[in-house]
Amino acid sequence: MKKRNRYEIAFTGAGGQGMILAGLVMADAVAIVENRYAVQSAMYGPEARLGSSRSDVIISDSEIGYPKATRPDLLLVMNQDSCTKYTKLLKENGLLICDTTYVSYIPGEKDIKNLYKIPFSRIARSEFGTPLVANIMALGFISAKTGIVKKESLAEAIKRRVKEKFVNLNLKALERGYELGKEM
């Protein structure tokens, strides 16, 4: 029996940090633009802002039977609560990416072999005038670091998923995140 190639991603943060959008853009880029198997699911608290938010994306070379990440290969954490809650789920040798603007402590940090600490929200605020594009910067970073999705595919998905008046800003944030990933 052939082993299925399944790559699990969990985008985690607070409501308002765009984790659901990040998941939608990633899944769109993989499934629609690149014509591969992908599914996105979302979980969030009842609060519109600041409650917990998680978006899972599963990428596979075959049909996907279960749409949630149980042992993520890649975990993006955008705030301390998410880091504390979800880091233990990361697959052994998985990739952990932390937004150090809001994450100061990483449980089990010494045991995490693939860890990147980037102040996405601080950079977004400084360079783009808003932290609201930190999620898209993170997608660019992920593309550069993993190659799991092409940057151009993410750009196409952004054009479909982001309100028109914010597309150019998000495309610039994607590019900046990609540059950060290539630099590190």
N, C-alpha and C. Protein backbone atom coordinates (compact mmCIF):
# COMPACT_ATOMS: atom_id res chain seq x y z
N MET A 1 0.85 -1.18 0.00
CA MET A 1 0.00 0.00 0.00
C MET A 1 0.90 1.25 0.00
N LYS A 2 0.62 2.18 -0.89
CA LYS A 2 1.39 3.41 -1.01
C LYS A 2 1.07 4.36 0.16
N LYS A 3 2.13 4.88 0.77
CA LYS A 3 1.93 5.84 1.85
C LYS A 3 1.51 7.18 1.26
N ARG A 4 0.48 7.78 1.83
CA ARG A 4 -0.01 9.07 1.34
C ARG A 4 0.86 10.21 1.86
N ASN A 5 1.11 11.15 1.00
CA ASN A 5 1.84 12.34 1.38
C ASN A 5 0.83 13.35 1.92
N ARG A 6 0.91 13.66 3.21
CA ARG A 6 -0.03 14.57 3.85
C ARG A 6 0.79 15.59 4.63
N TYR A 7 0.55 16.87 4.37
CA TYR A 7 1.26 17.95 5.05
C TYR A 7 0.22 18.77 5.80
N GLU A 8 0.38 18.84 7.12
CA GLU A 8 -0.59 19.53 7.97
C GLU A 8 -0.03 20.86 8.45
N ILE A 9 -0.84 21.91 8.30
CA ILE A 9 -0.48 23.25 8.74
C ILE A 9 -1.55 23.75 9.69
N ALA A 10 -1.13 24.36 10.79
CA ALA A 10 -2.06 25.02 11.70
C ALA A 10 -1.64 26.48 11.85
N PHE A 11 -2.54 27.39 11.47
CA PHE A 11 -2.34 28.83 11.65
C PHE A 11 -3.09 29.20 12.93
N THR A 12 -2.41 29.72 13.94
CA THR A 12 -3.06 30.01 15.21
C THR A 12 -2.75 31.42 15.68
N GLY A 13 -3.73 32.03 16.33
CA GLY A 13 -3.55 33.37 16.86
C GLY A 13 -4.82 33.84 17.52
N ALA A 14 -4.94 35.13 17.65
CA ALA A 14 -6.14 35.75 18.23
C ALA A 14 -7.06 36.18 17.11
N GLY A 15 -8.35 36.24 17.43
CA GLY A 15 -9.31 36.76 16.46
C GLY A 15 -8.88 38.15 16.02
N GLY A 16 -8.96 38.42 14.75
CA GLY A 16 -8.53 39.71 14.22
C GLY A 16 -7.13 39.67 13.64
N GLN A 17 -6.39 38.58 13.87
CA GLN A 17 -5.04 38.47 13.31
C GLN A 17 -5.03 37.81 11.94
N GLY A 18 -6.19 37.43 11.43
CA GLY A 18 -6.29 36.94 10.07
C GLY A 18 -5.89 35.49 9.85
N MET A 19 -6.03 34.66 10.87
CA MET A 19 -5.67 33.25 10.71
C MET A 19 -6.61 32.52 9.76
N ILE A 20 -7.88 32.85 9.80
CA ILE A 20 -8.84 32.21 8.90
C ILE A 20 -8.52 32.61 7.46
N LEU A 21 -8.27 33.89 7.23
CA LEU A 21 -7.91 34.35 5.89
C LEU A 21 -6.62 33.68 5.43
N ALA A 22 -5.63 33.57 6.29
CA ALA A 22 -4.37 32.92 5.91
C ALA A 22 -4.63 31.50 5.45
N GLY A 23 -5.47 30.78 6.18
CA GLY A 23 -5.80 29.41 5.79
C GLY A 23 -6.53 29.34 4.46
N LEU A 24 -7.48 30.25 4.28
CA LEU A 24 -8.23 30.29 3.02
C LEU A 24 -7.31 30.60 1.83
N VAL A 25 -6.41 31.55 2.01
CA VAL A 25 -5.48 31.91 0.93
C VAL A 25 -4.57 30.72 0.61
N MET A 26 -4.04 30.07 1.66
CA MET A 26 -3.15 28.92 1.44
C MET A 26 -3.89 27.80 0.70
N ALA A 27 -5.08 27.45 1.18
CA ALA A 27 -5.84 26.36 0.56
C ALA A 27 -6.23 26.70 -0.88
N ASP A 28 -6.62 27.94 -1.12
CA ASP A 28 -6.98 28.41 -2.45
C ASP A 28 -5.77 28.29 -3.38
N ALA A 29 -4.62 28.75 -2.91
CA ALA A 29 -3.40 28.71 -3.72
C ALA A 29 -3.03 27.29 -4.11
N VAL A 30 -3.14 26.37 -3.17
CA VAL A 30 -2.77 24.97 -3.43
C VAL A 30 -3.82 24.28 -4.29
N ALA A 31 -5.10 24.37 -3.89
CA ALA A 31 -6.15 23.60 -4.56
C ALA A 31 -6.59 24.19 -5.89
N ILE A 32 -6.80 25.49 -5.92
CA ILE A 32 -7.35 26.11 -7.13
C ILE A 32 -6.24 26.51 -8.10
N VAL A 33 -5.23 27.21 -7.60
CA VAL A 33 -4.18 27.68 -8.50
C VAL A 33 -3.26 26.54 -8.92
N GLU A 34 -2.82 25.72 -7.96
CA GLU A 34 -1.85 24.66 -8.27
C GLU A 34 -2.52 23.31 -8.57
N ASN A 35 -3.84 23.25 -8.43
CA ASN A 35 -4.61 22.04 -8.78
C ASN A 35 -4.12 20.79 -8.04
N ARG A 36 -3.88 20.96 -6.71
CA ARG A 36 -3.51 19.83 -5.86
C ARG A 36 -4.60 19.67 -4.80
N TYR A 37 -4.54 18.60 -4.06
CA TYR A 37 -5.53 18.37 -3.00
C TYR A 37 -5.21 19.24 -1.79
N ALA A 38 -6.21 19.97 -1.31
CA ALA A 38 -6.07 20.78 -0.09
C ALA A 38 -7.45 21.01 0.50
N VAL A 39 -7.50 21.12 1.81
CA VAL A 39 -8.74 21.43 2.51
C VAL A 39 -8.40 22.37 3.66
N GLN A 40 -9.32 23.27 3.96
CA GLN A 40 -9.14 24.24 5.03
C GLN A 40 -10.29 24.10 6.01
N SER A 41 -9.99 24.17 7.28
CA SER A 41 -11.04 24.19 8.31
C SER A 41 -10.68 25.26 9.32
N ALA A 42 -11.69 25.78 9.99
CA ALA A 42 -11.48 26.89 10.93
C ALA A 42 -12.14 26.60 12.27
N MET A 43 -11.48 27.08 13.32
CA MET A 43 -12.03 27.01 14.67
C MET A 43 -11.76 28.35 15.33
N TYR A 44 -12.77 28.90 15.97
CA TYR A 44 -12.55 30.17 16.66
C TYR A 44 -13.56 30.30 17.78
N GLY A 45 -13.16 31.12 18.75
CA GLY A 45 -14.03 31.36 19.89
C GLY A 45 -15.19 32.26 19.51
N PRO A 46 -16.13 32.46 20.40
CA PRO A 46 -17.31 33.26 20.09
C PRO A 46 -17.01 34.76 19.96
N GLU A 47 -15.84 35.19 20.45
CA GLU A 47 -15.50 36.60 20.38
C GLU A 47 -15.11 36.96 18.95
N ALA A 48 -15.52 38.12 18.50
CA ALA A 48 -15.16 38.56 17.14
C ALA A 48 -13.68 38.96 17.09
N ARG A 49 -13.19 39.57 18.14
CA ARG A 49 -11.79 40.00 18.20
C ARG A 49 -11.17 39.49 19.49
N LEU A 50 -9.91 39.12 19.39
CA LEU A 50 -9.07 38.72 20.51
C LEU A 50 -9.34 37.34 21.09
N GLY A 51 -10.44 36.68 20.72
CA GLY A 51 -10.64 35.30 21.13
C GLY A 51 -9.68 34.42 20.32
N SER A 52 -9.54 33.17 20.67
CA SER A 52 -8.62 32.31 19.95
C SER A 52 -9.15 32.01 18.54
N SER A 53 -8.21 31.81 17.63
CA SER A 53 -8.55 31.55 16.24
C SER A 53 -7.53 30.55 15.68
N ARG A 54 -8.04 29.57 14.97
CA ARG A 54 -7.15 28.56 14.37
C ARG A 54 -7.71 28.15 13.02
N SER A 55 -6.83 28.06 12.06
CA SER A 55 -7.20 27.63 10.73
C SER A 55 -6.23 26.54 10.30
N ASP A 56 -6.76 25.36 10.00
CA ASP A 56 -5.93 24.24 9.56
C ASP A 56 -6.02 24.09 8.06
N VAL A 57 -4.90 23.77 7.46
CA VAL A 57 -4.86 23.45 6.03
C VAL A 57 -4.14 22.11 5.89
N ILE A 58 -4.78 21.21 5.20
CA ILE A 58 -4.18 19.92 4.91
C ILE A 58 -3.89 19.88 3.41
N ILE A 59 -2.68 19.51 3.06
CA ILE A 59 -2.25 19.39 1.67
C ILE A 59 -1.85 17.94 1.47
N SER A 60 -2.32 17.34 0.39
CA SER A 60 -2.06 15.92 0.17
C SER A 60 -1.91 15.62 -1.31
N ASP A 61 -1.30 14.46 -1.59
CA ASP A 61 -1.20 14.03 -2.98
C ASP A 61 -2.38 13.16 -3.39
N SER A 62 -3.33 12.99 -2.46
CA SER A 62 -4.53 12.23 -2.75
C SER A 62 -5.70 12.81 -1.96
N GLU A 63 -6.87 12.26 -2.14
CA GLU A 63 -8.05 12.78 -1.46
C GLU A 63 -7.83 12.81 0.05
N ILE A 64 -8.44 13.79 0.70
CA ILE A 64 -8.25 14.02 2.13
C ILE A 64 -9.50 13.58 2.87
N GLY A 65 -9.33 12.65 3.79
CA GLY A 65 -10.47 12.12 4.53
C GLY A 65 -10.79 12.88 5.80
N TYR A 66 -9.77 13.46 6.43
CA TYR A 66 -9.99 14.18 7.69
C TYR A 66 -9.41 15.58 7.56
N PRO A 67 -10.22 16.63 7.74
CA PRO A 67 -9.79 18.00 7.41
C PRO A 67 -9.06 18.78 8.51
N LYS A 68 -8.70 18.14 9.61
CA LYS A 68 -8.07 18.89 10.70
C LYS A 68 -6.63 18.42 10.90
N ALA A 69 -5.79 19.34 11.33
CA ALA A 69 -4.40 19.02 11.64
C ALA A 69 -4.34 18.44 13.05
N THR A 70 -3.86 17.21 13.15
CA THR A 70 -3.74 16.58 14.46
C THR A 70 -2.30 16.67 14.98
N ARG A 71 -1.33 16.54 14.08
CA ARG A 71 0.09 16.68 14.39
C ARG A 71 0.71 17.54 13.30
N PRO A 72 0.57 18.87 13.42
CA PRO A 72 1.02 19.75 12.33
C PRO A 72 2.50 19.58 11.98
N ASP A 73 2.75 19.58 10.69
CA ASP A 73 4.12 19.63 10.18
C ASP A 73 4.64 21.05 10.31
N LEU A 74 3.72 22.01 10.25
CA LEU A 74 4.05 23.43 10.36
C LEU A 74 3.02 24.09 11.26
N LEU A 75 3.51 24.83 12.22
CA LEU A 75 2.64 25.55 13.15
C LEU A 75 3.06 27.01 13.16
N LEU A 76 2.13 27.89 12.82
CA LEU A 76 2.34 29.33 12.92
C LEU A 76 1.60 29.80 14.16
N VAL A 77 2.32 30.44 15.08
CA VAL A 77 1.69 30.99 16.28
C VAL A 77 1.90 32.50 16.29
N MET A 78 0.79 33.22 16.40
CA MET A 78 0.82 34.68 16.32
C MET A 78 0.60 35.36 17.66
N ASN A 79 0.32 34.57 18.72
CA ASN A 79 0.18 35.17 20.06
C ASN A 79 0.58 34.15 21.12
N GLN A 80 0.75 34.63 22.34
CA GLN A 80 1.24 33.77 23.42
C GLN A 80 0.28 32.64 23.76
N ASP A 81 -1.01 32.93 23.84
CA ASP A 81 -1.98 31.89 24.17
C ASP A 81 -1.91 30.72 23.19
N SER A 82 -1.82 31.03 21.91
CA SER A 82 -1.74 29.99 20.90
C SER A 82 -0.44 29.20 21.02
N CYS A 83 0.65 29.89 21.29
CA CYS A 83 1.93 29.22 21.44
C CYS A 83 1.87 28.24 22.61
N THR A 84 1.35 28.69 23.74
CA THR A 84 1.23 27.85 24.92
C THR A 84 0.32 26.66 24.67
N LYS A 85 -0.78 26.89 23.98
CA LYS A 85 -1.80 25.86 23.76
C LYS A 85 -1.42 24.84 22.69
N TYR A 86 -0.81 25.28 21.59
CA TYR A 86 -0.66 24.41 20.43
C TYR A 86 0.74 23.87 20.16
N THR A 87 1.77 24.43 20.76
CA THR A 87 3.14 23.98 20.47
C THR A 87 3.31 22.49 20.72
N LYS A 88 2.65 21.98 21.73
CA LYS A 88 2.78 20.54 22.06
C LYS A 88 2.24 19.63 20.96
N LEU A 89 1.43 20.17 20.04
CA LEU A 89 0.88 19.36 18.95
C LEU A 89 1.85 19.18 17.79
N LEU A 90 2.87 20.03 17.72
CA LEU A 90 3.80 20.03 16.60
C LEU A 90 4.45 18.66 16.42
N LYS A 91 4.45 18.19 15.20
CA LYS A 91 5.08 16.92 14.86
C LYS A 91 6.58 17.00 15.18
N GLU A 92 7.16 15.87 15.58
CA GLU A 92 8.60 15.83 15.81
C GLU A 92 9.30 16.29 14.53
N ASN A 93 10.26 17.17 14.67
CA ASN A 93 10.97 17.78 13.54
C ASN A 93 10.09 18.69 12.71
N GLY A 94 8.90 19.06 13.24
CA GLY A 94 8.04 20.00 12.55
C GLY A 94 8.61 21.41 12.60
N LEU A 95 8.03 22.28 11.83
CA LEU A 95 8.48 23.67 11.72
C LEU A 95 7.56 24.57 12.55
N LEU A 96 8.15 25.29 13.50
CA LEU A 96 7.41 26.24 14.33
C LEU A 96 7.84 27.65 13.95
N ILE A 97 6.86 28.48 13.61
CA ILE A 97 7.11 29.88 13.26
C ILE A 97 6.34 30.74 14.25
N CYS A 98 7.05 31.59 14.98
CA CYS A 98 6.43 32.43 16.03
C CYS A 98 6.54 33.90 15.69
N ASP A 99 5.46 34.62 15.89
CA ASP A 99 5.47 36.08 15.80
C ASP A 99 5.91 36.60 17.16
N THR A 100 7.17 37.00 17.24
CA THR A 100 7.73 37.44 18.53
C THR A 100 7.20 38.79 18.99
N THR A 101 6.38 39.43 18.18
CA THR A 101 5.73 40.65 18.65
C THR A 101 4.85 40.33 19.85
N TYR A 102 4.19 39.17 19.79
CA TYR A 102 3.25 38.78 20.84
C TYR A 102 3.59 37.45 21.52
N VAL A 103 4.70 36.83 21.15
CA VAL A 103 5.12 35.58 21.78
C VAL A 103 6.47 35.82 22.45
N SER A 104 6.51 35.62 23.76
CA SER A 104 7.77 35.82 24.48
C SER A 104 8.32 34.52 25.06
N TYR A 105 7.47 33.50 25.18
CA TYR A 105 7.90 32.22 25.76
C TYR A 105 7.39 31.07 24.90
N ILE A 106 8.28 30.15 24.57
CA ILE A 106 7.92 29.00 23.75
C ILE A 106 8.13 27.74 24.59
N PRO A 107 7.04 27.07 24.98
CA PRO A 107 7.18 25.85 25.76
C PRO A 107 8.03 24.80 25.03
N GLY A 108 9.01 24.24 25.71
CA GLY A 108 9.86 23.20 25.10
C GLY A 108 10.76 23.71 24.00
N GLU A 109 11.08 24.99 24.02
CA GLU A 109 11.86 25.60 22.93
C GLU A 109 13.16 24.85 22.65
N LYS A 110 13.83 24.41 23.69
CA LYS A 110 15.13 23.74 23.49
C LYS A 110 15.02 22.44 22.70
N ASP A 111 13.83 21.85 22.66
CA ASP A 111 13.62 20.60 21.94
C ASP A 111 13.10 20.79 20.52
N ILE A 112 12.83 22.02 20.14
CA ILE A 112 12.29 22.30 18.80
C ILE A 112 13.45 22.59 17.86
N LYS A 113 13.63 21.71 16.89
CA LYS A 113 14.78 21.80 15.99
C LYS A 113 14.58 22.81 14.87
N ASN A 114 13.35 22.99 14.42
CA ASN A 114 13.04 23.89 13.31
C ASN A 114 12.17 25.03 13.81
N LEU A 115 12.81 26.07 14.28
CA LEU A 115 12.12 27.20 14.91
C LEU A 115 12.59 28.51 14.29
N TYR A 116 11.61 29.32 13.90
CA TYR A 116 11.90 30.67 13.42
C TYR A 116 11.10 31.64 14.25
N LYS A 117 11.79 32.66 14.75
CA LYS A 117 11.15 33.69 15.56
C LYS A 117 11.28 35.01 14.80
N ILE A 118 10.14 35.51 14.34
CA ILE A 118 10.10 36.73 13.52
C ILE A 118 9.01 37.65 14.06
N PRO A 119 9.31 38.93 14.24
CA PRO A 119 8.28 39.87 14.72
C PRO A 119 7.40 40.37 13.58
N PHE A 120 6.62 39.47 12.98
CA PHE A 120 5.79 39.82 11.82
C PHE A 120 4.91 41.05 12.07
N SER A 121 4.21 41.08 13.20
CA SER A 121 3.28 42.19 13.46
C SER A 121 4.02 43.51 13.63
N ARG A 122 5.17 43.48 14.29
CA ARG A 122 5.95 44.70 14.46
C ARG A 122 6.47 45.20 13.11
N ILE A 123 6.97 44.30 12.29
CA ILE A 123 7.47 44.67 10.96
C ILE A 123 6.32 45.22 10.10
N ALA A 124 5.18 44.55 10.14
CA ALA A 124 4.03 45.01 9.36
C ALA A 124 3.60 46.40 9.78
N ARG A 125 3.54 46.64 11.08
CA ARG A 125 3.15 47.96 11.59
C ARG A 125 4.16 49.01 11.16
N SER A 126 5.44 48.68 11.27
CA SER A 126 6.50 49.62 10.93
C SER A 126 6.58 49.91 9.43
N GLU A 127 6.50 48.87 8.61
CA GLU A 127 6.71 49.04 7.17
C GLU A 127 5.44 49.31 6.37
N PHE A 128 4.29 48.87 6.89
CA PHE A 128 3.04 49.02 6.14
C PHE A 128 2.00 49.84 6.87
N GLY A 129 2.31 50.25 8.09
CA GLY A 129 1.39 51.09 8.84
C GLY A 129 0.27 50.36 9.54
N THR A 130 0.25 49.03 9.45
CA THR A 130 -0.79 48.22 10.09
C THR A 130 -0.26 46.82 10.36
N PRO A 131 -0.62 46.26 11.52
CA PRO A 131 -0.24 44.87 11.78
C PRO A 131 -1.15 43.87 11.07
N LEU A 132 -2.19 44.35 10.41
CA LEU A 132 -3.19 43.47 9.81
C LEU A 132 -2.69 42.67 8.61
N VAL A 133 -1.50 42.97 8.12
CA VAL A 133 -0.96 42.17 7.01
C VAL A 133 0.12 41.21 7.48
N ALA A 134 0.30 41.08 8.78
CA ALA A 134 1.29 40.15 9.34
C ALA A 134 0.99 38.72 8.91
N ASN A 135 -0.29 38.37 8.82
CA ASN A 135 -0.68 37.02 8.39
C ASN A 135 -0.19 36.72 6.98
N ILE A 136 -0.29 37.69 6.10
CA ILE A 136 0.12 37.50 4.71
C ILE A 136 1.65 37.50 4.61
N MET A 137 2.30 38.31 5.44
CA MET A 137 3.76 38.24 5.52
C MET A 137 4.19 36.84 5.91
N ALA A 138 3.50 36.26 6.88
CA ALA A 138 3.82 34.90 7.33
C ALA A 138 3.65 33.89 6.20
N LEU A 139 2.63 34.06 5.36
CA LEU A 139 2.45 33.16 4.21
C LEU A 139 3.64 33.26 3.25
N GLY A 140 4.11 34.47 3.00
CA GLY A 140 5.29 34.64 2.15
C GLY A 140 6.50 33.95 2.75
N PHE A 141 6.67 34.09 4.05
CA PHE A 141 7.78 33.45 4.75
C PHE A 141 7.68 31.93 4.60
N ILE A 142 6.49 31.39 4.81
CA ILE A 142 6.26 29.95 4.71
C ILE A 142 6.58 29.45 3.30
N SER A 143 6.17 30.19 2.30
CA SER A 143 6.45 29.82 0.92
C SER A 143 7.96 29.74 0.68
N ALA A 144 8.69 30.74 1.16
CA ALA A 144 10.14 30.78 0.97
C ALA A 144 10.84 29.66 1.72
N LYS A 145 10.39 29.37 2.92
CA LYS A 145 11.05 28.37 3.76
C LYS A 145 10.73 26.93 3.39
N THR A 146 9.50 26.67 2.97
CA THR A 146 9.09 25.27 2.77
C THR A 146 8.94 24.88 1.30
N GLY A 147 8.60 25.82 0.45
CA GLY A 147 8.31 25.49 -0.94
C GLY A 147 7.02 24.70 -1.10
N ILE A 148 6.22 24.61 -0.04
CA ILE A 148 4.98 23.83 -0.09
C ILE A 148 3.96 24.47 -1.04
N VAL A 149 4.10 25.77 -1.25
CA VAL A 149 3.25 26.49 -2.19
C VAL A 149 4.08 27.60 -2.83
N LYS A 150 3.83 27.87 -4.09
CA LYS A 150 4.57 28.92 -4.78
C LYS A 150 4.06 30.30 -4.36
N LYS A 151 4.98 31.24 -4.28
CA LYS A 151 4.61 32.62 -3.94
C LYS A 151 3.61 33.17 -4.96
N GLU A 152 3.80 32.86 -6.22
CA GLU A 152 2.91 33.34 -7.27
C GLU A 152 1.48 32.79 -7.10
N SER A 153 1.39 31.57 -6.62
CA SER A 153 0.08 30.96 -6.37
C SER A 153 -0.61 31.68 -5.22
N LEU A 154 0.14 32.03 -4.19
CA LEU A 154 -0.42 32.79 -3.07
C LEU A 154 -0.90 34.15 -3.55
N ALA A 155 -0.13 34.78 -4.43
CA ALA A 155 -0.52 36.09 -4.96
C ALA A 155 -1.84 36.00 -5.71
N GLU A 156 -2.01 34.96 -6.50
CA GLU A 156 -3.28 34.77 -7.22
C GLU A 156 -4.44 34.57 -6.25
N ALA A 157 -4.20 33.79 -5.20
CA ALA A 157 -5.25 33.55 -4.21
C ALA A 157 -5.60 34.83 -3.45
N ILE A 158 -4.61 35.65 -3.17
CA ILE A 158 -4.85 36.93 -2.49
C ILE A 158 -5.77 37.80 -3.35
N LYS A 159 -5.55 37.80 -4.64
CA LYS A 159 -6.38 38.62 -5.53
C LYS A 159 -7.84 38.20 -5.49
N ARG A 160 -8.09 36.93 -5.19
CA ARG A 160 -9.47 36.44 -5.11
C ARG A 160 -10.06 36.56 -3.71
N ARG A 161 -9.24 36.46 -2.68
CA ARG A 161 -9.73 36.35 -1.30
C ARG A 161 -9.72 37.66 -0.50
N VAL A 162 -8.96 38.63 -0.95
CA VAL A 162 -8.83 39.89 -0.22
C VAL A 162 -9.64 40.97 -0.93
N LYS A 163 -10.26 41.84 -0.14
CA LYS A 163 -11.02 42.96 -0.73
C LYS A 163 -10.11 43.74 -1.66
N GLU A 164 -10.67 44.15 -2.80
CA GLU A 164 -9.89 44.77 -3.86
C GLU A 164 -9.02 45.94 -3.39
N LYS A 165 -9.57 46.77 -2.51
CA LYS A 165 -8.80 47.95 -2.08
C LYS A 165 -7.59 47.60 -1.22
N PHE A 166 -7.52 46.35 -0.74
CA PHE A 166 -6.40 45.92 0.09
C PHE A 166 -5.46 44.94 -0.62
N VAL A 167 -5.73 44.63 -1.86
CA VAL A 167 -4.93 43.63 -2.59
C VAL A 167 -3.48 44.06 -2.71
N ASN A 168 -3.21 45.28 -3.18
CA ASN A 168 -1.83 45.71 -3.38
C ASN A 168 -1.03 45.72 -2.09
N LEU A 169 -1.64 46.17 -1.01
CA LEU A 169 -0.97 46.16 0.29
C LEU A 169 -0.60 44.73 0.69
N ASN A 170 -1.52 43.80 0.50
CA ASN A 170 -1.27 42.41 0.85
C ASN A 170 -0.23 41.77 -0.06
N LEU A 171 -0.21 42.12 -1.32
CA LEU A 171 0.81 41.60 -2.22
C LEU A 171 2.20 42.08 -1.82
N LYS A 172 2.29 43.32 -1.37
CA LYS A 172 3.57 43.85 -0.88
C LYS A 172 3.99 43.12 0.40
N ALA A 173 3.03 42.84 1.27
CA ALA A 173 3.33 42.11 2.51
C ALA A 173 3.78 40.68 2.20
N LEU A 174 3.14 40.05 1.21
CA LEU A 174 3.55 38.71 0.79
C LEU A 174 5.00 38.72 0.32
N GLU A 175 5.33 39.69 -0.50
CA GLU A 175 6.69 39.82 -1.01
C GLU A 175 7.69 40.05 0.12
N ARG A 176 7.33 40.90 1.08
CA ARG A 176 8.23 41.17 2.22
C ARG A 176 8.45 39.92 3.06
N GLY A 177 7.39 39.16 3.29
CA GLY A 177 7.53 37.91 4.03
C GLY A 177 8.40 36.91 3.30
N TYR A 178 8.24 36.84 1.99
CA TYR A 178 9.06 35.95 1.17
C TYR A 178 10.53 36.35 1.27
N GLU A 179 10.81 37.65 1.21
CA GLU A 179 12.19 38.14 1.35
C GLU A 179 12.77 37.74 2.70
N LEU A 180 11.97 37.91 3.76
CA LEU A 180 12.42 37.51 5.10
C LEU A 180 12.79 36.03 5.13
N GLY A 181 11.96 35.21 4.51
CA GLY A 181 12.23 33.77 4.47
C GLY A 181 13.49 33.43 3.72
N LYS A 182 13.78 34.14 2.67
CA LYS A 182 15.00 33.90 1.90
C LYS A 182 16.25 34.39 2.65
N GLU A 183 16.08 35.43 3.46
CA GLU A 183 17.20 35.98 4.23
C GLU A 183 17.63 35.08 5.38
N MET A 184 16.70 34.32 5.93
CA MET A 184 16.99 33.50 7.13
C MET A 184 17.39 32.09 6.78
